[in-house]
Protein backbone atom coordinates (compact mmCIF):
# COMPACT_ATOMS: atom_id res chain seq x y z
CA UNK A 1 52.85 196.57 102.33
CA UNK A 2 52.57 192.92 102.04
CA UNK A 3 52.51 191.00 98.94
CA UNK A 4 51.19 187.44 99.24
CA UNK A 5 52.40 185.23 96.64
CA UNK A 6 51.12 181.75 95.37
CA UNK A 7 53.55 179.00 94.80
CA UNK A 8 52.49 176.88 92.09
CA UNK A 9 54.65 174.20 93.02
CA UNK A 10 53.50 173.57 96.48
CA UNK A 11 49.87 174.12 95.20
CA UNK A 12 50.57 171.23 93.02
CA UNK A 13 52.07 169.23 95.50
CA UNK A 14 49.18 169.97 97.91
CA UNK A 15 46.53 169.02 95.32
CA UNK A 16 48.44 165.79 94.30
CA UNK A 17 48.50 164.68 98.13
CA UNK A 18 45.08 165.71 98.74
CA UNK A 19 43.60 163.88 95.73
CA UNK A 20 45.81 161.05 96.18
CA UNK A 21 44.81 160.60 99.74
CA UNK A 22 41.13 160.57 98.93
CA UNK A 23 41.11 158.21 96.03
CA UNK A 24 41.98 155.10 98.16
CA UNK A 25 42.23 155.76 101.83
CA UNK A 26 42.36 151.92 102.74
CA UNK A 27 45.35 151.23 100.53
CA UNK A 28 47.09 154.21 101.73
CA UNK A 29 46.51 153.24 105.20
CA UNK A 30 48.17 149.80 104.66
CA UNK A 31 50.75 150.42 102.21
CA UNK A 32 54.18 151.68 103.78
CA UNK A 33 55.27 152.69 100.31
CA UNK A 34 52.32 155.28 99.81
CA UNK A 35 52.20 158.78 101.11
CA UNK A 36 50.57 158.99 104.49
CA UNK A 37 50.57 161.17 107.59
CA UNK A 38 53.80 159.89 108.68
CA UNK A 39 55.62 160.25 105.21
CA UNK A 40 54.76 163.66 104.05
CA UNK A 41 54.78 167.37 105.21
CA UNK A 42 51.32 168.63 106.17
CA UNK A 43 52.38 172.18 104.93
CA UNK A 44 51.50 170.94 101.47
CA UNK A 45 48.06 170.42 102.43
CA UNK A 46 47.82 173.78 104.16
CA UNK A 47 48.64 175.41 100.75
CA UNK A 48 45.74 173.49 99.19
CA UNK A 49 43.46 174.16 101.77
CA UNK A 50 44.14 177.87 101.76
CA UNK A 51 43.98 178.09 98.06
CA UNK A 52 40.63 176.31 98.03
CA UNK A 53 39.00 178.96 99.80
CA UNK A 54 39.76 181.78 97.26
CA UNK A 55 38.19 179.91 94.38
CA UNK A 56 41.55 180.05 92.56
CA UNK A 57 43.08 176.88 90.87
CA UNK A 58 40.29 174.83 89.45
CA UNK A 59 37.94 175.66 92.30
CA UNK A 60 35.95 178.17 90.38
CA UNK A 61 32.06 177.58 89.71
CA UNK A 62 31.21 177.61 93.48
CA UNK A 63 32.60 181.02 94.07
CA UNK A 64 31.55 182.46 90.90
CA UNK A 65 28.06 181.40 91.25
CA UNK A 66 27.80 182.40 94.92
CA UNK A 67 29.89 185.58 95.30
CA UNK A 68 28.94 187.07 91.77
CA UNK A 69 25.92 185.70 90.33
CA UNK A 70 23.92 185.92 93.54
CA UNK A 71 25.63 188.24 96.42
CA UNK A 72 27.00 190.80 94.26
CA UNK A 73 23.83 191.70 92.50
CA UNK A 74 21.46 191.20 95.52
CA UNK A 75 23.48 193.52 97.44
CA UNK A 76 23.36 195.92 94.85
CA UNK A 77 27.21 196.20 94.21
CA UNK A 78 26.80 194.91 90.62
CA UNK A 79 23.95 194.65 88.37
CA UNK A 80 23.65 192.23 85.47
CA UNK A 81 20.96 191.59 82.79
CA UNK A 82 22.23 188.11 81.94
CA UNK A 83 19.35 185.66 82.48
CA UNK A 84 21.35 183.31 84.42
CA UNK A 85 22.51 185.86 86.96
CA UNK A 86 19.46 184.94 88.93
CA UNK A 87 20.45 186.99 92.04
CA UNK A 88 19.65 190.18 90.29
CA UNK A 89 16.14 189.14 90.05
CA UNK A 90 15.71 187.19 93.33
CA UNK A 91 15.07 184.12 91.29
CA UNK A 92 16.13 180.83 92.80
CA UNK A 93 18.48 178.70 90.86
CA UNK A 94 18.96 175.58 93.07
CA UNK A 95 22.18 174.60 91.25
CA UNK A 96 23.69 177.94 91.86
CA UNK A 97 22.66 178.63 95.23
CA UNK A 98 23.88 175.01 96.29
CA UNK A 99 27.12 175.40 94.60
CA UNK A 100 29.13 176.88 97.56
CA UNK A 101 27.93 173.97 99.88
CA UNK A 102 29.00 171.61 97.33
CA UNK A 103 27.82 168.13 98.51
CA UNK A 104 26.57 165.93 95.43
CA UNK A 105 27.74 168.58 92.80
CA UNK A 106 29.77 165.95 90.91
CA UNK A 107 29.92 162.37 92.21
CA UNK A 108 32.69 161.45 89.85
CA UNK A 109 35.08 164.10 91.04
CA UNK A 110 34.17 164.81 94.38
CA UNK A 111 32.28 167.82 93.49
CA UNK A 112 32.81 171.46 93.66
CA UNK A 113 32.03 173.74 96.72
CA UNK A 114 33.12 174.32 100.10
CA UNK A 115 32.97 171.00 101.71
CA UNK A 116 35.18 168.92 99.13
CA UNK A 117 37.57 171.90 98.19
CA UNK A 118 38.02 173.62 101.53
CA UNK A 119 36.69 171.69 104.58
CA UNK A 120 38.05 168.27 103.68
CA UNK A 121 41.57 169.63 102.78
CA UNK A 122 41.82 171.70 106.19
CA UNK A 123 40.69 168.73 108.05
CA UNK A 124 43.36 166.78 106.54
CA UNK A 125 45.84 169.41 107.85
CA UNK A 126 44.24 169.38 111.34
CA UNK A 127 44.15 165.77 111.45
CA UNK A 128 47.86 165.20 110.29
CA UNK A 129 49.10 167.74 112.89
CA UNK A 130 46.94 167.36 116.04
CA UNK A 131 48.89 166.24 119.09
CA UNK A 132 52.27 166.58 117.19
CA UNK A 133 54.39 169.32 119.05
CA UNK A 134 56.70 169.51 115.91
CA UNK A 135 53.73 170.74 113.92
CA UNK A 136 52.01 173.15 116.45
CA UNK A 137 52.09 176.11 114.62
CA UNK A 138 50.87 174.61 111.40
CA UNK A 139 48.05 173.01 113.61
CA UNK A 140 47.12 176.40 115.07
CA UNK A 141 47.11 178.19 111.79
CA UNK A 142 44.83 175.53 110.42
CA UNK A 143 42.34 175.90 113.11
CA UNK A 144 42.13 179.67 112.54
CA UNK A 145 41.70 178.95 108.85
CA UNK A 146 39.04 176.37 109.62
CA UNK A 147 36.98 179.19 111.31
CA UNK A 148 37.39 181.31 108.40
CA UNK A 149 36.01 178.67 106.00
CA UNK A 150 33.01 177.85 108.23
CA UNK A 151 32.19 181.32 109.04
CA UNK A 152 31.23 181.68 105.30
CA UNK A 153 29.37 178.32 105.00
CA UNK A 154 26.93 179.00 107.98
CA UNK A 155 26.53 182.59 107.15
CA UNK A 156 25.24 181.56 103.62
CA UNK A 157 23.16 178.64 104.85
CA UNK A 158 22.60 178.58 108.79
CA UNK A 159 22.77 175.41 110.39
CA UNK A 160 25.26 173.01 108.48
CA UNK A 161 27.63 169.96 109.00
CA UNK A 162 30.58 171.33 111.34
CA UNK A 163 31.53 168.95 114.12
CA UNK A 164 31.54 165.89 111.95
CA UNK A 165 32.46 167.61 108.58
CA UNK A 166 35.32 166.21 106.60
CA UNK A 167 36.00 163.27 109.02
CA UNK A 168 35.01 160.54 106.89
CA UNK A 169 38.27 158.83 106.52
CA UNK A 170 39.46 159.70 110.03
CA UNK A 171 36.37 158.74 111.93
CA UNK A 172 34.24 156.77 109.54
CA UNK A 173 31.61 159.58 109.69
CA UNK A 174 30.05 159.84 106.19
CA UNK A 175 26.68 161.31 107.08
CA UNK A 176 27.51 164.34 109.12
CA UNK A 177 24.93 166.01 111.37
CA UNK A 178 23.83 169.67 110.78
CA UNK A 179 24.93 171.64 113.85
CA UNK A 180 23.02 174.57 115.03
CA UNK A 181 24.53 177.78 114.02
CA UNK A 182 24.52 179.18 117.41
CA UNK A 183 26.70 176.04 118.34
CA UNK A 184 29.08 176.64 115.37
CA UNK A 185 29.67 180.41 116.21
CA UNK A 186 30.37 179.34 119.84
CA UNK A 187 32.87 176.91 119.03
CA UNK A 188 34.39 178.96 116.09
CA UNK A 189 35.07 181.86 118.72
CA UNK A 190 36.42 179.61 121.09
CA UNK A 191 38.69 178.04 118.49
CA UNK A 192 39.95 181.37 117.62
CA UNK A 193 40.68 182.25 121.15
CA UNK A 194 42.45 179.17 121.86
CA UNK A 195 44.61 178.73 118.80
CA UNK A 196 45.70 182.27 118.64
CA UNK A 197 46.87 181.94 122.33
CA UNK A 198 48.89 178.72 121.31
CA UNK A 199 50.91 180.05 118.39
CA UNK A 200 54.44 180.07 119.15
CA UNK A 201 55.84 183.26 117.79
CA UNK A 202 59.50 182.99 119.14
CA UNK A 203 59.86 179.32 118.23
CA UNK A 204 58.50 176.08 117.20
CA UNK A 205 57.90 174.94 113.83
CA UNK A 206 58.00 176.99 110.62
CA UNK A 207 54.79 177.16 108.59
CA UNK A 208 56.15 176.98 105.04
CA UNK A 209 52.99 175.84 103.25
CA UNK A 210 51.03 179.26 103.80
CA UNK A 211 50.64 181.49 100.77
CA UNK A 212 48.55 183.94 102.61
CA UNK A 213 51.22 185.29 105.15
CA UNK A 214 54.14 183.27 104.15
CA UNK A 215 54.49 181.85 107.78
CA UNK A 216 54.47 185.21 109.44
CA UNK A 217 52.92 184.06 112.69
CA UNK A 218 52.43 187.67 114.07
CA UNK A 219 50.46 188.38 111.28
CA UNK A 220 48.24 185.16 111.63
CA UNK A 221 47.68 186.35 115.34
CA UNK A 222 46.52 189.65 114.20
CA UNK A 223 44.37 187.91 111.59
CA UNK A 224 42.75 185.48 114.28
CA UNK A 225 41.81 188.30 116.63
CA UNK A 226 40.50 190.38 113.64
CA UNK A 227 38.36 187.44 112.49
CA UNK A 228 37.28 187.09 115.98
CA UNK A 229 35.97 190.60 115.86
CA UNK A 230 34.01 190.04 112.67
CA UNK A 231 32.51 187.08 113.97
CA UNK A 232 31.62 188.79 117.43
CA UNK A 233 30.01 191.71 115.61
CA UNK A 234 27.98 189.26 113.31
CA UNK A 235 26.05 188.37 116.70
CA UNK A 236 25.46 191.82 117.71
CA UNK A 237 21.60 191.55 116.84
CA UNK A 238 20.92 188.26 118.18
CA UNK A 239 23.43 187.87 121.14
CA UNK A 240 24.86 191.12 122.27
CA UNK A 241 26.46 189.87 125.40
CA UNK A 242 28.52 187.21 123.35
CA UNK A 243 29.24 190.08 120.72
CA UNK A 244 30.72 192.27 123.56
CA UNK A 245 32.63 189.46 124.99
CA UNK A 246 34.60 188.47 122.11
CA UNK A 247 34.83 192.05 120.78
CA UNK A 248 36.43 193.17 123.86
CA UNK A 249 39.07 190.19 123.78
CA UNK A 250 39.90 191.27 120.19
CA UNK A 251 40.34 195.00 121.02
CA UNK A 252 43.94 195.84 120.93
CA UNK A 253 45.01 192.76 119.11
CA UNK A 254 43.54 193.40 115.68
CA UNK A 255 45.03 194.77 112.34
CA UNK A 256 46.90 198.10 112.74
CA UNK A 257 47.45 199.13 109.04
CA UNK A 258 46.80 198.19 105.57
CA UNK A 259 50.21 196.28 105.72
CA UNK A 260 48.29 193.59 107.58
CA UNK A 261 45.64 193.06 105.02
CA UNK A 262 45.28 189.27 104.12
CA UNK A 263 44.94 188.58 100.46
CA UNK A 264 46.12 186.08 97.75
CA UNK A 265 47.71 187.02 94.55
CA UNK A 266 46.82 185.33 91.49
CA UNK A 267 49.17 184.15 88.68
CA UNK A 268 47.99 185.02 85.08
CA UNK A 269 48.55 182.27 82.66
CA UNK A 270 48.19 179.48 85.23
CA UNK A 271 45.51 177.49 87.04
CA UNK A 272 46.00 179.87 90.08
CA UNK A 273 44.45 182.98 88.29
CA UNK A 274 42.11 185.19 90.33
CA UNK A 275 39.02 183.22 89.58
CA UNK A 276 36.96 184.22 92.53
CA UNK A 277 36.38 187.72 91.54
CA UNK A 278 37.83 188.70 88.19
CA UNK A 279 38.14 185.66 85.97
CA UNK A 280 34.65 186.17 84.62
CA UNK A 281 34.95 189.81 84.06
CA UNK A 282 38.14 189.96 81.89
CA UNK A 283 37.24 187.98 78.79
CA UNK A 284 37.03 184.71 80.26
CA UNK A 285 33.42 184.70 81.07
CA UNK A 286 31.64 185.57 77.91
CA UNK A 287 28.55 187.53 78.45
CA UNK A 288 29.69 188.89 81.84
CA UNK A 289 31.89 191.57 79.85
CA UNK A 290 28.81 192.76 77.81
CA UNK A 291 26.27 192.68 80.46
CA UNK A 292 27.42 193.03 84.10
CA UNK A 293 28.21 196.64 85.52
CA UNK A 294 28.59 198.36 88.74
CA UNK A 295 25.07 198.95 90.17
CA UNK A 296 23.37 202.32 89.99
CA UNK A 297 22.76 202.08 93.79
CA UNK A 298 26.66 201.77 94.37
CA UNK A 299 27.69 204.32 91.91
CA UNK A 300 25.21 206.89 92.89
CA UNK A 301 26.37 206.64 96.46
CA UNK A 302 29.84 207.32 95.64
CA UNK A 303 28.93 210.23 93.32
CA UNK A 304 26.41 211.92 95.58
CA UNK A 305 29.06 212.00 98.20
CA UNK A 306 31.92 212.99 95.92
CA UNK A 307 33.93 210.04 97.04
CA UNK A 308 37.40 209.99 95.68
CA UNK A 309 37.34 206.05 95.12
CA UNK A 310 34.82 206.57 92.11
CA UNK A 311 37.42 207.54 89.49
CA UNK A 312 39.74 204.60 91.01
CA UNK A 313 37.29 201.79 90.72
CA UNK A 314 34.79 202.70 87.93
CA UNK A 315 35.28 203.68 84.37
CA UNK A 316 33.08 203.66 81.32
CA UNK A 317 33.80 202.56 77.72
CA UNK A 318 36.12 199.65 78.98
CA UNK A 319 35.22 197.79 75.87
CA UNK A 320 35.24 199.49 72.29
CA UNK A 321 31.60 198.41 71.74
CA UNK A 322 28.80 196.12 73.19
CA UNK A 323 30.07 193.11 71.07
CA UNK A 324 33.53 192.63 71.98
CA UNK A 325 35.92 191.73 74.86
CA UNK A 326 38.78 193.91 73.54
CA UNK A 327 39.60 196.46 75.82
CA UNK A 328 39.59 200.02 75.03
CA UNK A 329 42.94 201.75 76.17
CA UNK A 330 41.01 205.06 76.26
CA UNK A 331 38.60 204.20 78.97
CA UNK A 332 37.11 206.98 80.92
CA UNK A 333 37.58 207.47 84.55
CA UNK A 334 36.14 210.83 84.95
CA UNK A 335 33.77 210.86 87.84
CA UNK A 336 31.21 213.03 86.18
CA UNK A 337 30.27 210.61 83.37
CA UNK A 338 30.20 207.38 85.61
CA UNK A 339 27.01 205.69 85.45
CA UNK A 340 25.54 202.62 87.53
CA UNK A 341 23.38 200.18 85.86
CA UNK A 342 20.10 199.69 87.61
CA UNK A 343 19.41 196.32 89.15
CA UNK A 344 16.28 194.42 88.09
CA UNK A 345 16.35 194.89 84.25
CA UNK A 346 16.90 192.51 81.47
CA UNK A 347 17.40 191.96 77.87
CA UNK A 348 14.16 191.94 75.80
CA UNK A 349 15.64 189.49 73.26
CA UNK A 350 18.43 186.76 73.54
CA UNK A 351 21.67 188.35 73.00
CA UNK A 352 22.97 187.97 69.50
CA UNK A 353 24.02 190.11 66.39
CA UNK A 354 21.11 192.36 67.20
CA UNK A 355 20.40 193.31 70.84
CA UNK A 356 17.29 194.85 71.75
CA UNK A 357 17.60 196.64 75.24
CA UNK A 358 15.07 197.32 77.98
CA UNK A 359 13.71 201.03 77.09
CA UNK A 360 15.73 202.52 79.94
CA UNK A 361 19.03 201.20 78.88
CA UNK A 362 21.65 203.01 76.84
CA UNK A 363 24.55 201.21 75.22
CA UNK A 364 26.19 199.10 77.65
CA UNK A 365 29.59 200.63 77.14
CA UNK A 366 28.27 203.78 78.71
CA UNK A 367 27.66 201.97 82.18
CA UNK A 368 30.55 201.75 84.74
CA UNK A 369 32.71 198.76 85.01
CA UNK A 370 35.54 198.09 87.39
CA UNK A 371 38.73 199.60 86.23
CA UNK A 372 41.18 197.12 84.60
CA UNK A 373 43.39 197.27 87.69
CA UNK A 374 40.74 195.74 89.72
CA UNK A 375 40.11 192.88 87.44
CA UNK A 376 43.69 191.85 86.65
CA UNK A 377 43.89 187.85 86.65
CA UNK A 378 46.95 188.32 88.66
CA UNK A 379 45.52 190.78 91.13
CA UNK A 380 44.53 190.12 94.80
CA UNK A 381 41.62 188.14 96.32
CA UNK A 382 40.92 189.90 99.54
CA UNK A 383 40.15 187.92 102.72
CA UNK A 384 40.08 190.25 105.45
CA UNK A 385 41.36 193.92 105.61
CA UNK A 386 42.41 196.77 108.21
CA UNK A 387 39.51 198.98 106.80
CA UNK A 388 36.88 196.22 107.76
CA UNK A 389 38.43 195.73 111.35
CA UNK A 390 38.36 199.50 112.11
CA UNK A 391 34.92 199.99 110.75
CA UNK A 392 33.82 196.95 112.96
CA UNK A 393 35.47 198.68 115.86
CA UNK A 394 33.58 201.73 115.12
CA UNK A 395 30.46 199.85 115.40
CA UNK A 396 31.41 198.10 118.64
CA UNK A 397 32.14 201.60 119.96
CA UNK A 398 29.00 203.15 118.99
CA UNK A 399 26.73 200.27 119.73
CA UNK A 400 28.33 198.95 122.96
CA UNK A 401 30.51 201.87 124.21
CA UNK A 402 33.64 199.79 124.04
CA UNK A 403 37.10 199.99 122.23
CA UNK A 404 37.47 203.73 122.33
CA UNK A 405 36.29 206.50 120.05
CA UNK A 406 33.71 205.43 117.30
CA UNK A 407 34.64 208.56 115.63
CA UNK A 408 38.44 207.69 115.42
CA UNK A 409 37.82 204.19 114.44
CA UNK A 410 35.57 205.42 111.65
CA UNK A 411 38.04 207.81 110.26
CA UNK A 412 40.68 205.20 110.49
CA UNK A 413 38.59 202.80 108.63
CA UNK A 414 37.31 205.17 105.82
CA UNK A 415 40.84 206.21 105.26
CA UNK A 416 41.98 202.54 105.07
CA UNK A 417 38.99 201.76 102.78
CA UNK A 418 40.35 204.27 100.30
CA UNK A 419 43.94 204.08 100.51
CA UNK A 420 44.25 200.01 100.46
CA UNK A 421 43.15 200.40 96.66
CA UNK A 422 46.56 200.67 95.97
CA UNK A 423 47.04 196.98 96.81
CA UNK A 424 45.34 196.38 93.51
CA UNK A 425 47.81 198.69 91.74
CA UNK A 426 49.59 201.74 93.02
CA UNK A 427 47.83 203.67 90.29
CA UNK A 428 44.57 203.61 91.86
CA UNK A 429 45.29 204.23 95.58
CA UNK A 430 43.39 207.29 96.95
CA UNK A 431 45.87 209.82 98.23
CA UNK A 432 45.55 210.18 102.05
CA UNK A 433 45.09 213.95 101.56
CA UNK A 434 41.87 213.19 99.38
CA UNK A 435 40.78 210.74 102.02
CA UNK A 436 41.09 213.30 104.69
CA UNK A 437 39.24 216.01 102.72
CA UNK A 438 36.51 213.45 102.21
CA UNK A 439 36.27 213.02 106.07
CA UNK A 440 36.46 216.73 106.75
CA UNK A 441 33.34 217.22 104.21
CA UNK A 442 31.50 214.14 105.84
CA UNK A 443 32.29 214.19 109.63
CA UNK A 444 31.26 211.46 111.80
CA UNK A 445 27.93 212.18 113.47
CA UNK A 446 27.10 209.65 116.31
CA UNK A 447 23.36 210.34 115.58
CA UNK A 448 23.56 208.49 112.52
CA UNK A 449 26.67 206.47 113.38
CA UNK A 450 25.64 202.88 112.99
CA UNK A 451 24.29 203.86 109.38
CA UNK A 452 27.39 205.74 108.45
CA UNK A 453 29.70 203.05 109.78
CA UNK A 454 28.03 200.32 107.92
CA UNK A 455 27.34 202.13 104.43
CA UNK A 456 31.08 202.45 104.34
CA UNK A 457 31.56 198.78 105.34
CA UNK A 458 29.27 198.10 102.17
CA UNK A 459 31.29 200.35 100.18
CA UNK A 460 34.58 198.93 101.19
CA UNK A 461 33.58 195.09 100.92
CA UNK A 462 32.07 196.08 97.32
CA UNK A 463 35.35 197.40 96.22
CA UNK A 464 37.11 194.32 97.72
CA UNK A 465 34.61 192.40 95.48
CA UNK A 466 33.80 190.28 98.68
CA UNK A 467 30.18 190.52 98.20
CA UNK A 468 29.66 187.54 100.52
CA UNK A 469 30.59 189.97 103.33
CA UNK A 470 28.64 192.82 101.92
CA UNK A 471 25.56 190.63 101.98
CA UNK A 472 26.12 189.27 105.51
CA UNK A 473 26.94 192.67 107.03
CA UNK A 474 23.78 194.05 105.47
CA UNK A 475 21.74 191.29 106.93
CA UNK A 476 23.15 192.07 110.21
CA UNK A 477 22.65 195.85 110.34
CA UNK A 478 20.01 196.72 107.75
CA UNK A 479 22.49 199.18 106.13
CA UNK A 480 22.74 200.55 103.58
CA UNK A 481 19.16 200.94 103.14
CA UNK A 482 18.32 199.42 99.82
CA UNK A 483 15.32 199.50 97.44
CA UNK A 484 14.47 195.88 96.33
CA UNK A 485 13.86 195.09 92.85
CA UNK A 486 10.51 193.32 92.17
CA UNK A 487 11.10 191.39 88.89
CA UNK A 488 8.16 189.17 87.47
CA UNK A 489 8.30 185.68 88.78
CA UNK A 490 10.83 186.13 91.45
CA UNK A 491 10.98 183.69 94.57
CA UNK A 492 10.96 186.30 97.31
CA UNK A 493 7.80 188.47 96.84
CA UNK A 494 10.14 191.26 96.05
CA UNK A 495 12.25 191.34 99.01
CA UNK A 496 16.10 190.78 99.11
CA UNK A 497 17.04 187.33 99.92
CA UNK A 498 18.33 186.42 103.40
CA UNK A 499 19.99 182.96 102.99
CA UNK A 500 20.72 180.17 100.57
CA UNK A 501 18.56 177.08 100.49
CA UNK A 502 20.09 173.72 101.09
CA UNK A 503 21.28 171.74 98.28
CA UNK A 504 18.40 169.27 97.20
CA UNK A 505 21.21 166.69 96.53
CA UNK A 506 21.73 166.44 100.38
CA UNK A 507 18.19 164.86 100.44
CA UNK A 508 19.54 162.00 98.56
CA UNK A 509 22.99 161.57 100.15
CA UNK A 510 22.71 162.46 103.79
CA UNK A 511 18.91 162.20 104.01
CA UNK A 512 18.10 161.85 107.82
CA UNK A 513 20.32 164.61 108.68
CA UNK A 514 19.17 166.84 105.78
CA UNK A 515 15.49 166.35 106.80
CA UNK A 516 16.21 167.49 110.16
CA UNK A 517 17.91 170.64 109.15
CA UNK A 518 15.55 171.35 106.06
CA UNK A 519 12.46 170.96 108.37
CA UNK A 520 13.95 173.13 111.40
CA UNK A 521 14.66 176.36 109.21
CA UNK A 522 12.20 178.73 110.49
CA UNK A 523 9.63 179.81 107.95
CA UNK A 524 10.87 177.04 105.67
CA UNK A 525 14.14 176.29 103.82
CA UNK A 526 13.66 179.26 101.57
CA UNK A 527 15.46 182.27 100.46
CA UNK A 528 13.30 184.60 102.59
CA UNK A 529 13.99 182.66 105.82
CA UNK A 530 16.67 184.05 108.16
CA UNK A 531 19.94 182.22 109.86
CA UNK A 532 20.07 182.30 113.47
CA UNK A 533 22.08 185.54 113.85
CA UNK A 534 19.65 187.36 111.56
CA UNK A 535 16.65 186.31 113.50
CA UNK A 536 14.44 189.50 114.12
């Protein structure tokens, strides 16, 4: 099993170079004594670009606000009664839904969000290596990673800056156009195909600035094809022909075991902790410890199926009481007592020394929380896994009749989705024997195949704490079938949101292009409107 370590020194160097390059481009372009493209190794920039994607380092608020405060609770993986966890109640908080986009968040620092923290660094790598044979492999890895970055941005918002994004210094494009999502997906798929074919696995430059796979190009090739499969299947509803074309291309080239899983390990006690998922759930985030739990929907799904993951990923009494962040060493993992918290509830008074709960609540310590092994600050941030790959192949086989047996891929995917938990900590790995017993008790049924496959995909991505992907795949497939909440004053008429609205700050900074995109969203620039691949 691969362990993917973060190198603090490289991160620091990458951040230093990236930050330095951005503060005064003109000076750097004319001063031969200053770092520039001819005097530094672009591997350092690759480290910074990869790490920015995870929300580690200081890049925290965009992923916290989007992945946890919105996606996790909208998709009913988590539940929260904290007032500012607006996604649980389908209430629009423009500052939070805009956070992942990132333009205009903080003019003094360049802002949080995907564009300043992910797009700009990866474009730096691409521009620094394009046309340079001595950096061919770094260039191809950067192209693959760029596709990963933009997949998430466009999945959240729809039409977004793509072809001109991050090119202000290089091409003097400071007001990028918003490309259509269909064109973005077409180009991303082409990029993955071309870049993967040009990786030199037997020679060429060594990729040293890669904290994800540590320069293993065989793994990067598998990663590219697995990402291609995920992107292809994202189009299954709106463009099945293109979905089949690229899924067929990916078949036979994707991940083959949990050893291929892509993740980053955090470093506790440093700026590279696992912020994306666990930082706000381990004593670092205040109220989250007290009032955020696994959703009743998710826990009931696991309990009703006698799923062996339940005792590995859920516990009660993690904290000694409802007013402390001190963990209880005698926390309880007994599946029989696990209890998910319902979505759409709230506190009836502001939290304080005396807490009055909604009448349906018991003590918060009685609700199921992720086990300590899952929320370790030094733990993994999962990017893409073998379990996802196999379940997507099962979907393709069931839906399109390609790539072999849907049942075989389903069984592989479910087994991987259970056993991979050992990558958090060996103590919570599901024994393969227990995984097989589960499959024997719940055999694949082609008549309800798509529902079974995508229910399992939801369960897997929930345990990965990758709620972005849970939400995207739910929008694509409609599974699992969820019962929306209808909290008073919500912004969606009691329906689960389908996208994030654009940042209103874009109206003042990239006005003309923002107006075109804002006005072109079918149904309006709202949480209830749909991105292109989700169109009915």
